[in-house]
Amino acid sequence: MTIADRAASATDAGTIENEIEAYLLENCRTVGFLCWKFTSPGRAGVPDRVVITPWATVFVEVKRPGGRLRRLQQAIRAKMLRAGAAVYVVDSRSAVDALVAELAAD
């Protein structure tokens, strides 16, 4: 059973962040997007993933259901947005589905 199969039959209640991140990775791979883990040595608060499509490159912060950005993450996100970067926050499988659908439609 794949992550996508489990997601189709499960709700987000009790889901942990790494399950949503794995679901994002699986969905991106399914449509042919790159979904790389993003780290920046010496810089805390950066988004978890960078998603590269034929049309756009976006940054994605993954949170547990109902999770909120920490103050540092909010500041980094605001700085990235001011610089023209696209930064998304997903906290559920449905948010991942919506993001991938939006990116695929571009």
N, C-alpha and C. Protein backbone atom coordinates (compact mmCIF):
# COMPACT_ATOMS: atom_id res chain seq x y z
N MET A 1 0.85 -1.17 0.00
CA MET A 1 0.00 0.00 0.00
C MET A 1 0.90 1.24 0.00
N THR A 2 0.64 2.14 -0.92
CA THR A 2 1.44 3.36 -1.02
C THR A 2 0.92 4.41 -0.06
N ILE A 3 1.70 5.46 0.10
CA ILE A 3 1.28 6.57 0.94
C ILE A 3 -0.02 7.17 0.41
N ALA A 4 -0.12 7.28 -0.91
CA ALA A 4 -1.33 7.85 -1.51
C ALA A 4 -2.55 6.98 -1.21
N ASP A 5 -2.39 5.66 -1.24
CA ASP A 5 -3.50 4.76 -0.93
C ASP A 5 -3.95 4.94 0.51
N ARG A 6 -2.98 5.01 1.43
CA ARG A 6 -3.33 5.21 2.84
C ARG A 6 -4.03 6.54 3.02
N ALA A 7 -3.54 7.55 2.33
CA ALA A 7 -4.12 8.89 2.48
C ALA A 7 -5.56 8.93 1.98
N ALA A 8 -5.85 8.17 0.95
CA ALA A 8 -7.20 8.19 0.39
C ALA A 8 -8.22 7.64 1.38
N SER A 9 -7.78 6.73 2.25
CA SER A 9 -8.74 6.12 3.17
C SER A 9 -8.64 6.66 4.59
N ALA A 10 -7.69 7.54 4.85
CA ALA A 10 -7.49 8.05 6.22
C ALA A 10 -7.85 9.52 6.32
N THR A 11 -8.17 9.93 7.51
CA THR A 11 -8.36 11.36 7.75
C THR A 11 -7.05 11.92 8.27
N ASP A 12 -6.98 13.24 8.41
CA ASP A 12 -5.75 13.86 8.90
C ASP A 12 -5.64 13.82 10.42
N ALA A 13 -6.68 13.38 11.10
CA ALA A 13 -6.61 13.30 12.56
C ALA A 13 -5.50 12.33 12.95
N GLY A 14 -4.62 12.76 13.82
CA GLY A 14 -3.53 11.91 14.27
C GLY A 14 -2.36 11.85 13.32
N THR A 15 -2.42 12.57 12.23
CA THR A 15 -1.34 12.57 11.25
C THR A 15 -0.18 13.39 11.80
N ILE A 16 1.02 12.89 11.57
CA ILE A 16 2.18 13.64 11.99
C ILE A 16 2.82 14.31 10.77
N GLU A 17 3.63 15.30 11.06
CA GLU A 17 4.20 16.13 10.00
C GLU A 17 4.94 15.32 8.93
N ASN A 18 5.72 14.33 9.34
CA ASN A 18 6.49 13.60 8.33
C ASN A 18 5.60 12.78 7.41
N GLU A 19 4.40 12.41 7.85
CA GLU A 19 3.46 11.71 6.96
C GLU A 19 2.95 12.66 5.88
N ILE A 20 2.68 13.90 6.25
CA ILE A 20 2.23 14.89 5.27
C ILE A 20 3.36 15.21 4.31
N GLU A 21 4.58 15.30 4.83
CA GLU A 21 5.74 15.56 3.97
C GLU A 21 5.94 14.41 2.98
N ALA A 22 5.80 13.17 3.44
CA ALA A 22 5.91 12.02 2.55
C ALA A 22 4.81 12.03 1.49
N TYR A 23 3.61 12.44 1.88
CA TYR A 23 2.49 12.54 0.95
C TYR A 23 2.77 13.60 -0.11
N LEU A 24 3.35 14.73 0.29
CA LEU A 24 3.75 15.77 -0.66
C LEU A 24 4.76 15.21 -1.65
N LEU A 25 5.77 14.53 -1.16
CA LEU A 25 6.80 13.95 -2.02
C LEU A 25 6.19 12.97 -3.02
N GLU A 26 5.33 12.09 -2.54
CA GLU A 26 4.69 11.09 -3.41
C GLU A 26 3.84 11.76 -4.50
N ASN A 27 3.05 12.76 -4.12
CA ASN A 27 2.20 13.44 -5.10
C ASN A 27 3.02 14.21 -6.12
N CYS A 28 4.08 14.85 -5.68
CA CYS A 28 4.95 15.57 -6.62
C CYS A 28 5.58 14.61 -7.61
N ARG A 29 6.06 13.49 -7.12
CA ARG A 29 6.67 12.49 -8.01
C ARG A 29 5.66 11.97 -9.02
N THR A 30 4.42 11.78 -8.57
CA THR A 30 3.37 11.25 -9.44
C THR A 30 3.15 12.14 -10.66
N VAL A 31 3.22 13.46 -10.47
CA VAL A 31 2.99 14.38 -11.59
C VAL A 31 4.28 14.85 -12.25
N GLY A 32 5.42 14.30 -11.81
CA GLY A 32 6.69 14.62 -12.46
C GLY A 32 7.42 15.84 -11.93
N PHE A 33 7.05 16.31 -10.75
CA PHE A 33 7.74 17.45 -10.14
C PHE A 33 8.91 16.95 -9.29
N LEU A 34 9.93 17.77 -9.17
CA LEU A 34 10.99 17.51 -8.21
C LEU A 34 10.54 18.07 -6.87
N CYS A 35 10.82 17.35 -5.80
CA CYS A 35 10.45 17.79 -4.46
C CYS A 35 11.63 17.50 -3.54
N TRP A 36 12.50 18.46 -3.43
CA TRP A 36 13.75 18.26 -2.70
C TRP A 36 13.66 18.80 -1.29
N LYS A 37 14.31 18.07 -0.38
CA LYS A 37 14.46 18.55 0.99
C LYS A 37 15.33 19.80 0.92
N PHE A 38 14.91 20.85 1.60
CA PHE A 38 15.64 22.12 1.56
C PHE A 38 16.25 22.39 2.92
N THR A 39 17.56 22.51 2.94
CA THR A 39 18.25 22.90 4.16
C THR A 39 19.19 24.04 3.83
N SER A 40 19.41 24.87 4.78
CA SER A 40 20.32 25.99 4.61
C SER A 40 21.22 26.05 5.84
N PRO A 41 22.41 25.46 5.74
CA PRO A 41 23.29 25.43 6.91
C PRO A 41 23.50 26.83 7.51
N GLY A 42 23.33 26.92 8.79
CA GLY A 42 23.50 28.19 9.47
C GLY A 42 22.28 29.09 9.42
N ARG A 43 21.21 28.64 8.78
CA ARG A 43 20.00 29.47 8.65
C ARG A 43 18.80 28.63 9.09
N ALA A 44 18.34 28.84 10.29
CA ALA A 44 17.15 28.15 10.79
C ALA A 44 15.90 28.83 10.24
N GLY A 45 14.80 28.08 10.21
CA GLY A 45 13.51 28.67 9.85
C GLY A 45 13.15 28.62 8.39
N VAL A 46 14.01 28.03 7.55
CA VAL A 46 13.70 27.97 6.12
C VAL A 46 12.66 26.88 5.87
N PRO A 47 11.90 26.98 4.77
CA PRO A 47 10.90 25.95 4.46
C PRO A 47 11.52 24.56 4.31
N ASP A 48 10.69 23.53 4.50
CA ASP A 48 11.15 22.14 4.47
C ASP A 48 11.51 21.64 3.08
N ARG A 49 10.75 22.06 2.08
CA ARG A 49 10.89 21.50 0.73
C ARG A 49 10.94 22.59 -0.32
N VAL A 50 11.63 22.30 -1.42
CA VAL A 50 11.56 23.13 -2.62
C VAL A 50 10.96 22.24 -3.71
N VAL A 51 9.90 22.71 -4.33
CA VAL A 51 9.22 21.96 -5.38
C VAL A 51 9.51 22.66 -6.70
N ILE A 52 10.03 21.88 -7.64
CA ILE A 52 10.42 22.41 -8.94
C ILE A 52 9.53 21.78 -10.01
N THR A 53 8.80 22.63 -10.72
CA THR A 53 7.92 22.20 -11.80
C THR A 53 8.45 22.81 -13.10
N PRO A 54 7.91 22.41 -14.24
CA PRO A 54 8.34 23.06 -15.49
C PRO A 54 8.00 24.54 -15.54
N TRP A 55 7.06 24.99 -14.69
CA TRP A 55 6.57 26.37 -14.76
C TRP A 55 7.00 27.23 -13.59
N ALA A 56 7.33 26.62 -12.47
CA ALA A 56 7.61 27.41 -11.27
C ALA A 56 8.50 26.63 -10.30
N THR A 57 9.14 27.37 -9.44
CA THR A 57 9.86 26.81 -8.30
C THR A 57 9.28 27.45 -7.06
N VAL A 58 8.81 26.62 -6.13
CA VAL A 58 8.17 27.14 -4.92
C VAL A 58 8.77 26.46 -3.70
N PHE A 59 8.64 27.13 -2.58
CA PHE A 59 9.10 26.59 -1.30
C PHE A 59 7.88 26.17 -0.50
N VAL A 60 8.01 25.06 0.23
CA VAL A 60 6.87 24.52 0.98
C VAL A 60 7.30 24.20 2.41
N GLU A 61 6.58 24.78 3.35
CA GLU A 61 6.75 24.44 4.77
C GLU A 61 5.65 23.46 5.12
N VAL A 62 6.02 22.33 5.71
CA VAL A 62 5.06 21.30 6.08
C VAL A 62 4.84 21.35 7.59
N LYS A 63 3.58 21.36 7.99
CA LYS A 63 3.21 21.38 9.41
C LYS A 63 2.26 20.23 9.69
N ARG A 64 2.18 19.84 10.95
CA ARG A 64 1.17 18.86 11.35
C ARG A 64 -0.20 19.53 11.22
N PRO A 65 -1.27 18.75 11.15
CA PRO A 65 -2.60 19.37 11.03
C PRO A 65 -2.83 20.39 12.14
N GLY A 66 -3.19 21.59 11.73
CA GLY A 66 -3.43 22.68 12.67
C GLY A 66 -2.16 23.35 13.17
N GLY A 67 -1.00 22.86 12.73
CA GLY A 67 0.27 23.44 13.17
C GLY A 67 0.46 24.85 12.63
N ARG A 68 1.19 25.65 13.38
CA ARG A 68 1.41 27.05 12.99
C ARG A 68 2.90 27.30 12.83
N LEU A 69 3.22 28.29 12.02
CA LEU A 69 4.61 28.69 11.84
C LEU A 69 5.15 29.30 13.14
N ARG A 70 6.38 28.94 13.47
CA ARG A 70 7.05 29.60 14.59
C ARG A 70 7.39 31.03 14.18
N ARG A 71 7.69 31.86 15.13
CA ARG A 71 7.98 33.27 14.87
C ARG A 71 9.13 33.41 13.86
N LEU A 72 10.19 32.63 14.03
CA LEU A 72 11.32 32.69 13.09
C LEU A 72 10.88 32.27 11.69
N GLN A 73 10.06 31.23 11.59
CA GLN A 73 9.57 30.79 10.29
C GLN A 73 8.71 31.87 9.64
N GLN A 74 7.91 32.56 10.43
CA GLN A 74 7.10 33.65 9.89
C GLN A 74 7.99 34.76 9.33
N ALA A 75 9.06 35.08 10.05
CA ALA A 75 9.97 36.13 9.60
C ALA A 75 10.70 35.72 8.32
N ILE A 76 11.16 34.48 8.25
CA ILE A 76 11.86 33.99 7.05
C ILE A 76 10.89 33.96 5.87
N ARG A 77 9.67 33.49 6.10
CA ARG A 77 8.66 33.45 5.03
C ARG A 77 8.39 34.86 4.50
N ALA A 78 8.22 35.82 5.40
CA ALA A 78 7.97 37.20 4.98
C ALA A 78 9.14 37.75 4.16
N LYS A 79 10.35 37.45 4.59
CA LYS A 79 11.55 37.90 3.86
C LYS A 79 11.59 37.28 2.47
N MET A 80 11.28 36.00 2.37
CA MET A 80 11.28 35.32 1.08
C MET A 80 10.20 35.88 0.17
N LEU A 81 9.02 36.14 0.72
CA LEU A 81 7.93 36.72 -0.08
C LEU A 81 8.31 38.10 -0.60
N ARG A 82 8.94 38.91 0.24
CA ARG A 82 9.38 40.24 -0.20
C ARG A 82 10.40 40.14 -1.32
N ALA A 83 11.19 39.08 -1.32
CA ALA A 83 12.20 38.88 -2.36
C ALA A 83 11.61 38.27 -3.63
N GLY A 84 10.31 37.97 -3.61
CA GLY A 84 9.65 37.45 -4.81
C GLY A 84 9.48 35.95 -4.85
N ALA A 85 9.85 35.24 -3.79
CA ALA A 85 9.71 33.79 -3.76
C ALA A 85 8.25 33.41 -3.47
N ALA A 86 7.86 32.27 -3.97
CA ALA A 86 6.54 31.69 -3.65
C ALA A 86 6.74 30.71 -2.50
N VAL A 87 6.05 30.96 -1.39
CA VAL A 87 6.19 30.13 -0.20
C VAL A 87 4.81 29.67 0.24
N TYR A 88 4.64 28.36 0.35
CA TYR A 88 3.36 27.77 0.75
C TYR A 88 3.53 27.05 2.08
N VAL A 89 2.45 26.95 2.82
CA VAL A 89 2.41 26.17 4.05
C VAL A 89 1.29 25.15 3.88
N VAL A 90 1.61 23.87 4.08
CA VAL A 90 0.60 22.82 4.00
C VAL A 90 0.56 22.09 5.34
N ASP A 91 -0.66 21.78 5.78
CA ASP A 91 -0.81 21.09 7.07
C ASP A 91 -1.79 19.92 6.99
N SER A 92 -2.10 19.48 5.78
CA SER A 92 -3.02 18.36 5.61
C SER A 92 -2.84 17.76 4.22
N ARG A 93 -3.36 16.57 4.06
CA ARG A 93 -3.32 15.94 2.73
C ARG A 93 -4.13 16.76 1.73
N SER A 94 -5.25 17.31 2.17
CA SER A 94 -6.06 18.11 1.24
C SER A 94 -5.32 19.38 0.83
N ALA A 95 -4.54 19.96 1.71
CA ALA A 95 -3.73 21.13 1.35
C ALA A 95 -2.65 20.74 0.34
N VAL A 96 -2.07 19.56 0.51
CA VAL A 96 -1.09 19.06 -0.46
C VAL A 96 -1.76 18.85 -1.80
N ASP A 97 -2.94 18.22 -1.80
CA ASP A 97 -3.67 17.99 -3.05
C ASP A 97 -3.95 19.32 -3.77
N ALA A 98 -4.38 20.32 -3.02
CA ALA A 98 -4.69 21.63 -3.61
C ALA A 98 -3.43 22.29 -4.18
N LEU A 99 -2.33 22.20 -3.46
CA LEU A 99 -1.07 22.80 -3.93
C LEU A 99 -0.60 22.12 -5.21
N VAL A 100 -0.57 20.80 -5.23
CA VAL A 100 -0.11 20.08 -6.41
C VAL A 100 -1.03 20.36 -7.60
N ALA A 101 -2.33 20.41 -7.37
CA ALA A 101 -3.27 20.73 -8.45
C ALA A 101 -3.03 22.13 -8.98
N GLU A 102 -2.80 23.09 -8.09
CA GLU A 102 -2.52 24.47 -8.52
C GLU A 102 -1.23 24.54 -9.34
N LEU A 103 -0.20 23.86 -8.88
CA LEU A 103 1.07 23.89 -9.61
C LEU A 103 0.97 23.17 -10.95
N ALA A 104 0.18 22.10 -11.00
CA ALA A 104 0.02 21.35 -12.25
C ALA A 104 -0.79 22.14 -13.27
N ALA A 105 -1.64 23.04 -12.80
CA ALA A 105 -2.50 23.82 -13.70
C ALA A 105 -1.77 24.97 -14.37
N ASP A 106 -0.66 25.38 -13.80
CA ASP A 106 0.08 26.53 -14.36
C ASP A 106 0.69 26.23 -15.71
